[in-house]
C-alpha atoms as a PDB file:
ATOM      1  CA  MET A   1     -38.553  44.147  10.440  1.00  0.00           C
ATOM      2  CA  LYS A   2     -40.317  41.407   8.643  1.00  0.00           C
ATOM      3  CA  ASN A   3     -37.245  41.355   6.238  1.00  0.00           C
ATOM      4  CA  LEU A   4     -35.088  41.051   9.089  1.00  0.00           C
ATOM      5  CA  SER A   5     -37.173  38.329  10.545  1.00  0.00           C
ATOM      6  CA  ALA A   6     -37.439  36.231   7.477  1.00  0.00           C
ATOM      7  CA  ILE A   7     -33.441  36.766   7.106  1.00  0.00           C
ATOM      8  CA  ALA A   8     -32.869  35.512  10.567  1.00  0.00           C
ATOM      9  CA  VAL A   9     -35.285  32.263   9.928  1.00  0.00           C
ATOM     10  CA  ILE A  10     -33.519  31.479   6.465  1.00  0.00           C
ATOM     11  CA  GLY A  11     -30.191  31.572   8.307  1.00  0.00           C
ATOM     12  CA  VAL A  12     -31.161  29.257  11.143  1.00  0.00           C
ATOM     13  CA  LEU A  13     -32.850  26.914   8.613  1.00  0.00           C
ATOM     14  CA  SER A  14     -29.615  26.645   6.414  1.00  0.00           C
ATOM     15  CA  LEU A  15     -27.576  26.317   9.581  1.00  0.00           C
ATOM     16  CA  GLY A  16     -29.707  23.159  10.346  1.00  0.00           C
ATOM     17  CA  PHE A  17     -29.431  21.790   6.744  1.00  0.00           C
ATOM     18  CA  ALA A  18     -25.554  22.383   6.791  1.00  0.00           C
ATOM     19  CA  THR A  19     -25.430  20.647   9.978  1.00  0.00           C
ATOM     20  CA  SER A  20     -27.675  17.649   8.952  1.00  0.00           C
ATOM     21  CA  ALA A  21     -25.747  16.891   5.755  1.00  0.00           C
ATOM     22  CA  SER A  22     -22.358  16.538   7.763  1.00  0.00           C
ATOM     23  CA  ALA A  23     -23.994  14.692  10.740  1.00  0.00           C
ATOM     24  CA  PHE A  24     -21.724  11.774  10.296  1.00  0.00           C
ATOM     25  CA  ASP A  25     -18.053  11.438   9.146  1.00  0.00           C
ATOM     26  CA  PHE A  26     -15.411   9.030   8.610  1.00  0.00           C
ATOM     27  CA  SER A  27     -12.518   8.201  10.635  1.00  0.00           C
ATOM     28  CA  PRO A  28      -9.773   8.913  10.100  1.00  0.00           C
ATOM     29  CA  ALA A  29     -10.119  11.698   7.849  1.00  0.00           C
ATOM     30  CA  ALA A  30      -7.654  12.635   5.041  1.00  0.00           C
ATOM     31  CA  THR A  31      -6.537   9.015   4.504  1.00  0.00           C
ATOM     32  CA  LYS A  32      -5.737   6.633   1.802  1.00  0.00           C
ATOM     33  CA  PHE A  33      -7.419   3.296   2.545  1.00  0.00           C
ATOM     34  CA  THR A  34      -8.229  -0.160   1.190  1.00  0.00           C
ATOM     35  CA  ALA A  35     -11.230  -2.408   1.547  1.00  0.00           C
ATOM     36  CA  GLY A  36     -10.491  -5.979   0.528  1.00  0.00           C
ATOM     37  CA  GLY A  37     -12.673  -9.315   0.363  1.00  0.00           C
ATOM     38  CA  ARG A  38     -14.923 -11.449  -1.421  1.00  0.00           C
ATOM     39  CA  LEU A  39     -17.546  -9.891  -4.112  1.00  0.00           C
ATOM     40  CA  THR A  40     -19.982 -12.031  -5.930  1.00  0.00           C
ATOM     41  CA  LEU A  41     -21.818 -10.822  -8.933  1.00  0.00           C
ATOM     42  CA  THR A  42     -25.047 -12.754 -10.234  1.00  0.00           C
ATOM     43  CA  GLN A  43     -26.523 -11.943 -13.364  1.00  0.00           C
ATOM     44  CA  ASN A  44     -28.708 -14.156 -16.085  1.00  0.00           C
ATOM     45  CA  GLY A  45     -28.422 -17.200 -13.952  1.00  0.00           C
ATOM     46  CA  THR A  46     -24.389 -16.627 -13.808  1.00  0.00           C
ATOM     47  CA  THR A  47     -22.276 -16.265 -10.743  1.00  0.00           C
ATOM     48  CA  LEU A  48     -18.664 -14.572 -10.783  1.00  0.00           C
ATOM     49  CA  ASP A  49     -16.947 -15.481  -7.555  1.00  0.00           C
ATOM     50  CA  CYS A  50     -14.097 -13.144  -6.967  1.00  0.00           C
ATOM     51  CA  ARG A  51     -11.575 -11.056  -4.585  1.00  0.00           C
ATOM     52  CA  VAL A  52     -11.813  -7.665  -4.753  1.00  0.00           C
ATOM     53  CA  LEU A  53      -9.589  -4.741  -3.780  1.00  0.00           C
ATOM     54  CA  PHE A  54     -10.965  -1.338  -3.589  1.00  0.00           C
ATOM     55  CA  HIS A  55      -8.630   1.679  -3.024  1.00  0.00           C
ATOM     56  CA  GLY A  56     -10.003   4.808  -1.505  1.00  0.00           C
ATOM     57  CA  LYS A  57      -9.582   8.245   0.211  1.00  0.00           C
ATOM     58  CA  THR A  58     -11.396   9.941   3.110  1.00  0.00           C
ATOM     59  CA  SER A  59     -11.839  13.778   2.494  1.00  0.00           C
ATOM     60  CA  LYS A  60     -10.042  16.256   4.388  1.00  0.00           C
ATOM     61  CA  THR A  61     -12.958  16.821   6.815  1.00  0.00           C
ATOM     62  CA  GLY A  62     -14.282  13.114   6.878  1.00  0.00           C
ATOM     63  CA  HIS A  63     -17.581  13.940   5.638  1.00  0.00           C
ATOM     64  CA  HIS A  64     -17.093  11.684   2.618  1.00  0.00           C
ATOM     65  CA  ALA A  65     -14.855   9.433   0.875  1.00  0.00           C
ATOM     66  CA  ARG A  66     -14.455   7.978  -2.749  1.00  0.00           C
ATOM     67  CA  PHE A  67     -13.487   4.819  -3.909  1.00  0.00           C
ATOM     68  CA  VAL A  68     -10.828   5.447  -6.764  1.00  0.00           C
ATOM     69  CA  ARG A  69      -9.744   2.159  -8.139  1.00  0.00           C
ATOM     70  CA  ALA A  70     -10.610  -1.590  -7.815  1.00  0.00           C
ATOM     71  CA  HIS A  71      -8.983  -4.734  -8.545  1.00  0.00           C
ATOM     72  CA  PHE A  72     -10.695  -8.052  -9.009  1.00  0.00           C
ATOM     73  CA  PHE A  73      -8.950 -11.544  -8.994  1.00  0.00           C
ATOM     74  CA  THR A  74     -10.182 -14.936  -8.817  1.00  0.00           C
ATOM     75  CA  ASP A  75      -8.755 -18.287  -7.030  1.00  0.00           C
ATOM     76  CA  ALA A  76      -8.848 -20.218 -10.360  1.00  0.00           C
ATOM     77  CA  GLY A  77      -9.354 -19.564 -13.852  1.00  0.00           C
ATOM     78  CA  HIS A  78      -9.578 -15.991 -15.430  1.00  0.00           C
ATOM     79  CA  ALA A  79     -13.668 -15.450 -14.789  1.00  0.00           C
ATOM     80  CA  CYS A  80     -12.857 -12.399 -12.796  1.00  0.00           C
ATOM     81  CA  ALA A  81     -10.543 -10.753 -15.270  1.00  0.00           C
ATOM     82  CA  SER A  82     -13.465  -9.140 -17.246  1.00  0.00           C
ATOM     83  CA  LEU A  83     -14.977  -7.535 -14.140  1.00  0.00           C
ATOM     84  CA  LYS A  84     -14.492  -3.784 -13.504  1.00  0.00           C
ATOM     85  CA  ALA A  85     -15.674  -1.207 -11.349  1.00  0.00           C
ATOM     86  CA  ALA A  86     -17.277   1.649 -13.905  1.00  0.00           C
ATOM     87  CA  GLY A  87     -17.699   5.278 -13.298  1.00  0.00           C
ATOM     88  CA  LEU A  88     -15.012   5.480 -10.956  1.00  0.00           C
ATOM     89  CA  PRO A  89     -14.628   7.334  -8.561  1.00  0.00           C
ATOM     90  CA  TRP A  90     -17.662   6.141  -6.564  1.00  0.00           C
ATOM     91  CA  HIS A  91     -18.858   8.702  -3.607  1.00  0.00           C
ATOM     92  CA  LEU A  92     -19.325   7.483  -0.277  1.00  0.00           C
ATOM     93  CA  VAL A  93     -21.405   9.298   2.385  1.00  0.00           C
ATOM     94  CA  PRO A  94     -21.878   8.107   6.096  1.00  0.00           C
ATOM     95  CA  THR A  95     -25.557   8.276   6.718  1.00  0.00           C
ATOM     96  CA  SER A  96     -25.542   6.851  10.060  1.00  0.00           C
ATOM     97  CA  LEU A  97     -23.042   5.453  12.662  1.00  0.00           C
ATOM     98  CA  THR A  98     -23.158   1.901  10.724  1.00  0.00           C
ATOM     99  CA  THR A  99     -24.534   2.608   7.123  1.00  0.00           C
ATOM    100  CA  ILE A 100     -22.863   4.348   3.941  1.00  0.00           C
ATOM    101  CA  LYS A 101     -24.582   5.599   0.830  1.00  0.00           C
ATOM    102  CA  ILE A 102     -22.466   4.682  -2.295  1.00  0.00           C
ATOM    103  CA  GLU A 103     -23.528   6.751  -5.136  1.00  0.00           C
ATOM    104  CA  GLN A 104     -23.343   5.711  -9.033  1.00  0.00           C
ATOM    105  CA  ALA A 105     -21.891   2.346  -8.320  1.00  0.00           C
ATOM    106  CA  SER A 106     -21.538   0.432 -11.583  1.00  0.00           C
ATOM    107  CA  PHE A 107     -20.009  -2.884 -12.577  1.00  0.00           C
ATOM    108  CA  VAL A 108     -19.177  -4.237 -16.229  1.00  0.00           C
ATOM    109  CA  SER A 109     -18.310  -7.718 -16.935  1.00  0.00           C
ATOM    110  CA  SER A 110     -18.265 -10.607 -19.798  1.00  0.00           C
ATOM    111  CA  LEU A 111     -22.060 -11.213 -18.123  1.00  0.00           C
ATOM    112  CA  GLY A 112     -23.041  -7.489 -18.735  1.00  0.00           C
ATOM    113  CA  THR A 113     -23.761  -4.062 -17.147  1.00  0.00           C
ATOM    114  CA  CYS A 114     -24.848  -3.704 -13.489  1.00  0.00           C
ATOM    115  CA  GLY A 115     -25.913   0.076 -12.659  1.00  0.00           C
ATOM    116  CA  PRO A 116     -25.219   2.799 -12.069  1.00  0.00           C
ATOM    117  CA  ASP A 117     -27.071   2.738  -8.969  1.00  0.00           C
ATOM    118  CA  ARG A 118     -27.233   4.044  -5.313  1.00  0.00           C
ATOM    119  CA  VAL A 119     -26.123   1.262  -3.009  1.00  0.00           C
ATOM    120  CA  ILE A 120     -26.500   1.493   0.973  1.00  0.00           C
ATOM    121  CA  ALA A 121     -23.908  -0.294   2.528  1.00  0.00           C
ATOM    122  CA  GLN A 122     -22.989  -1.429   6.151  1.00  0.00           C
ATOM    123  CA  GLY A 123     -20.007   0.366   7.425  1.00  0.00           C
ATOM    124  CA  TYR A 124     -17.681   0.215  10.497  1.00  0.00           C
ATOM    125  CA  GLY A 125     -14.530  -0.995   9.828  1.00  0.00           C
ATOM    126  CA  GLN A 126     -15.720  -2.747   6.529  1.00  0.00           C
ATOM    127  CA  ILE A 127     -17.966  -1.924   3.665  1.00  0.00           C
ATOM    128  CA  ALA A 128     -20.572  -4.548   2.999  1.00  0.00           C
ATOM    129  CA  PHE A 129     -23.812  -4.890   0.998  1.00  0.00           C
ATOM    130  CA  ASN A 130     -26.040  -7.155  -0.662  1.00  0.00           C
ATOM    131  CA  HIS A 131     -27.763  -5.193  -3.489  1.00  0.00           C
ATOM    132  CA  THR A 132     -29.613  -5.926  -6.914  1.00  0.00           C
ATOM    133  CA  PHE A 133     -28.242  -3.221  -9.208  1.00  0.00           C
ATOM    134  CA  HIS A 134     -31.069  -1.547 -11.527  1.00  0.00           C
ATOM    135  CA  PRO A 135     -30.315  -1.386 -14.395  1.00  0.00           C
ATOM    136  CA  GLY A 136     -28.672  -4.820 -15.156  1.00  0.00           C
ATOM    137  CA  ASN A 137     -30.790  -6.913 -12.609  1.00  0.00           C
ATOM    138  CA  CYS A 138     -27.762  -8.247 -11.107  1.00  0.00           C
ATOM    139  CA  LEU A 139     -27.048  -9.209  -7.510  1.00  0.00           C
ATOM    140  CA  VAL A 140     -23.924  -8.051  -6.020  1.00  0.00           C
ATOM    141  CA  ASN A 141     -22.964  -9.131  -2.775  1.00  0.00           C
ATOM    142  CA  THR A 142     -19.730  -8.017  -0.804  1.00  0.00           C
ATOM    143  CA  ALA A 143     -17.957  -7.671   2.460  1.00  0.00           C
ATOM    144  CA  ASN A 144     -14.582  -5.846   2.446  1.00  0.00           C
ATOM    145  CA  SER A 145     -12.568  -5.007   5.430  1.00  0.00           C
ATOM    146  CA  THR A 146     -10.873  -1.582   5.344  1.00  0.00           C
ATOM    147  CA  VAL A 147      -7.043  -0.809   6.264  1.00  0.00           C
ATOM    148  CA  PRO A 148      -6.578   1.302   8.238  1.00  0.00           C
ATOM    149  CA  SER A 149     -10.075   0.367  10.069  1.00  0.00           C
ATOM    150  CA  LEU A 150     -12.674   3.043   9.057  1.00  0.00           C
ATOM    151  CA  THR A 151     -15.034   4.208  11.637  1.00  0.00           C
ATOM    152  CA  ILE A 152     -17.872   6.408  11.357  1.00  0.00           C
ATOM    153  CA  VAL A 153     -18.458   9.033  14.118  1.00  0.00           C
ATOM    154  CA  PRO A 154     -20.867  11.796  15.100  1.00  0.00           C
END
């Protein structure tokens, strides 16, 4: 009888863990999207001010998404040509109705390497963050509108 009770408790606990891991989802699910806007990267007193376009896809269930490509542009000159998103794809997980955890985000530029690091971003129709990456000690600030508009649902 003790074994049966222990199995029941483990079963209930595992259901609780499974539910909490997927408490929030991206909507729409199974959708390719872009996230475009401005991105500034400051390292060693030098700032790159760029436009960025991330390409991503939400999973079939909406439990997570991935950034699979990133393109950086500049309004004048070629300073942003050296900027790359490293370690793609990046894994995105909604952690609340307004926040997203981005795993292993990393940038490489003529200024050096930033990351990889875990980033907590604001998200609801956009993906935005202001984060100091370690290693690299560089500050990245970005706000990107998603198309189609990604929302987070319980």
